[in-house]
Amino acid sequence: MPAPQEGRNPPREPWTCADVERWLTTAFRAMPYTSIYAPRGNTLQSVSANQPSATFDILAFTGTVLGDRSEERKILLLWARAIATEGEVGGSIAQFCGAWDMKRRTFDRKRVRACERVVAEKNRLDGRG
């Protein structure tokens, strides 16, 4: 039996930050040039028929939970894109922190807090929390 594709199947147990991070990086691997402030809803679609559109739903969901243009969302999505593209698209986390005069420790705290908010809302809506 082949191993499941990354981001293919949603978690069966309550979501964790690792699940959200995996789905976000999967979306940016599939579409690395997607803007951090990407369009909502089903406007994000892969050109590959093998890539489920649900991969991109998590991007829109972060806007619902965190606010479309919030600092928390920007940090969480910038992190995911930097990890997915190894900093080749949109720059690295270090570059962002330098430009915003932010310590990496502060960036990571904000990222984790944003991720935890997304997880809590996802689990609440799915009845898993």
Protein backbone atom coordinates (compact mmCIF):
# COMPACT_ATOMS: atom_id res chain seq x y z
CA MET A 1 0.00 0.00 0.00
CA PRO A 2 1.51 3.37 -0.97
CA ALA A 3 2.21 5.95 1.72
CA PRO A 4 -0.40 8.72 1.93
CA GLN A 5 0.56 11.93 0.15
CA GLU A 6 1.46 14.83 2.35
CA GLY A 7 -1.62 16.97 2.92
CA ARG A 8 -3.91 14.46 1.18
CA ASN A 9 -5.99 13.26 4.13
CA PRO A 10 -7.15 15.46 6.99
CA PRO A 11 -6.39 14.28 10.53
CA ARG A 12 -8.90 11.91 12.07
CA GLU A 13 -8.15 12.97 15.62
CA PRO A 14 -8.30 16.53 16.93
CA TRP A 15 -6.10 18.81 14.83
CA THR A 16 -2.73 19.90 16.17
CA CYS A 17 -0.37 22.69 15.17
CA ALA A 18 1.68 20.08 13.32
CA ASP A 19 -1.39 19.27 11.18
CA VAL A 20 -2.05 22.93 10.36
CA GLU A 21 1.63 23.51 9.58
CA ARG A 22 1.74 20.45 7.32
CA TRP A 23 -1.34 21.57 5.35
CA LEU A 24 -0.08 25.13 5.03
CA THR A 25 3.34 24.07 3.76
CA THR A 26 1.64 21.60 1.38
CA ALA A 27 -0.42 24.43 -0.10
CA PHE A 28 2.67 26.61 -0.60
CA ARG A 29 4.62 23.71 -2.11
CA ALA A 30 1.81 23.25 -4.63
CA MET A 31 1.53 26.97 -5.36
CA PRO A 32 4.70 28.68 -4.09
CA TYR A 33 3.93 32.05 -5.68
CA THR A 34 0.54 32.37 -3.99
CA SER A 35 0.35 35.68 -2.18
CA ILE A 36 0.32 35.64 1.60
CA TYR A 37 -2.93 37.58 1.34
CA ALA A 38 -4.44 35.20 -1.20
CA PRO A 39 -8.02 35.39 -2.44
CA ARG A 40 -10.71 33.65 -0.44
CA GLY A 41 -12.87 30.67 -1.11
CA ASN A 42 -12.47 28.40 -4.07
CA THR A 43 -10.44 30.88 -6.09
CA LEU A 44 -7.28 28.96 -5.19
CA GLN A 45 -7.07 25.85 -7.31
CA SER A 46 -4.18 23.67 -8.31
CA VAL A 47 -3.40 23.12 -11.96
CA SER A 48 -2.86 19.47 -11.05
CA ALA A 49 -5.94 17.27 -11.08
CA ASN A 50 -4.24 15.11 -8.43
CA GLN A 51 -4.13 17.94 -5.88
CA PRO A 52 -7.38 18.23 -3.89
CA SER A 53 -8.77 21.75 -3.54
CA ALA A 54 -9.08 21.17 0.22
CA THR A 55 -5.32 21.71 0.37
CA PHE A 56 -5.99 25.41 -0.17
CA ASP A 57 -9.00 25.73 2.14
CA ILE A 58 -6.67 26.02 5.13
CA LEU A 59 -5.19 29.22 3.65
CA ALA A 60 -8.62 30.86 3.54
CA PHE A 61 -9.50 29.45 6.96
CA THR A 62 -6.54 31.25 8.54
CA GLY A 63 -8.07 34.51 7.29
CA THR A 64 -11.42 33.63 8.83
CA VAL A 65 -9.87 32.86 12.20
CA LEU A 66 -7.03 35.38 12.40
CA GLY A 67 -8.32 38.17 10.18
CA ASP A 68 -7.38 38.51 6.54
CA ARG A 69 -4.63 41.08 7.04
CA SER A 70 -3.63 40.45 10.64
CA GLU A 71 -0.01 40.31 11.72
CA GLU A 72 -0.59 36.82 13.15
CA ARG A 73 -1.79 35.50 9.79
CA LYS A 74 1.05 37.17 7.93
CA ILE A 75 3.59 35.55 10.25
CA LEU A 76 1.98 32.10 10.08
CA LEU A 77 1.70 32.10 6.29
CA LEU A 78 5.10 33.68 5.75
CA TRP A 79 6.57 30.90 7.91
CA ALA A 80 4.76 28.21 5.89
CA ARG A 81 5.86 29.65 2.55
CA ALA A 82 9.46 30.10 3.75
CA ILE A 83 9.56 26.48 4.95
CA ALA A 84 7.90 25.15 1.78
CA THR A 85 10.21 27.08 -0.57
CA GLU A 86 13.30 27.17 1.66
CA GLY A 87 13.12 30.98 1.56
CA GLU A 88 13.37 31.09 -2.24
CA VAL A 89 9.93 32.71 -2.66
CA GLY A 90 9.13 35.79 -0.62
CA GLY A 91 12.32 35.60 1.43
CA SER A 92 13.43 33.84 4.55
CA ILE A 93 12.19 34.17 8.10
CA ALA A 94 15.48 35.84 9.04
CA GLN A 95 14.95 38.44 6.30
CA PHE A 96 11.41 39.13 7.54
CA CYS A 97 12.56 39.45 11.14
CA GLY A 98 15.35 41.82 10.10
CA ALA A 99 13.02 43.98 8.02
CA TRP A 100 10.45 44.18 10.82
CA ASP A 101 13.06 44.54 13.60
CA MET A 102 11.61 41.46 15.27
CA LYS A 103 13.50 38.84 17.22
CA ARG A 104 13.16 35.29 15.93
CA ARG A 105 11.90 34.25 19.36
CA THR A 106 9.06 36.80 19.09
CA PHE A 107 8.27 35.65 15.54
CA ASP A 108 8.05 32.02 16.69
CA ARG A 109 5.85 32.88 19.69
CA LYS A 110 3.43 34.76 17.45
CA ARG A 111 3.45 31.95 14.88
CA VAL A 112 2.69 29.31 17.50
CA ARG A 113 -0.06 31.44 19.06
CA ALA A 114 -1.64 31.96 15.62
CA CYS A 115 -1.41 28.25 14.87
CA GLU A 116 -3.03 27.39 18.20
CA ARG A 117 -5.95 29.73 17.43
CA VAL A 118 -6.47 28.07 14.04
CA VAL A 119 -6.32 24.61 15.65
CA ALA A 120 -8.80 25.54 18.38
CA GLU A 121 -11.32 26.91 15.86
CA LYS A 122 -10.85 24.00 13.45
CA ASN A 123 -11.46 21.48 16.24
CA ARG A 124 -14.45 23.45 17.53
CA LEU A 125 -16.06 23.55 14.09
CA ASP A 126 -15.32 19.88 13.42
CA GLY A 127 -16.67 18.86 16.85
CA ARG A 128 -13.30 17.42 17.78
CA GLY A 129 -12.28 19.80 20.52
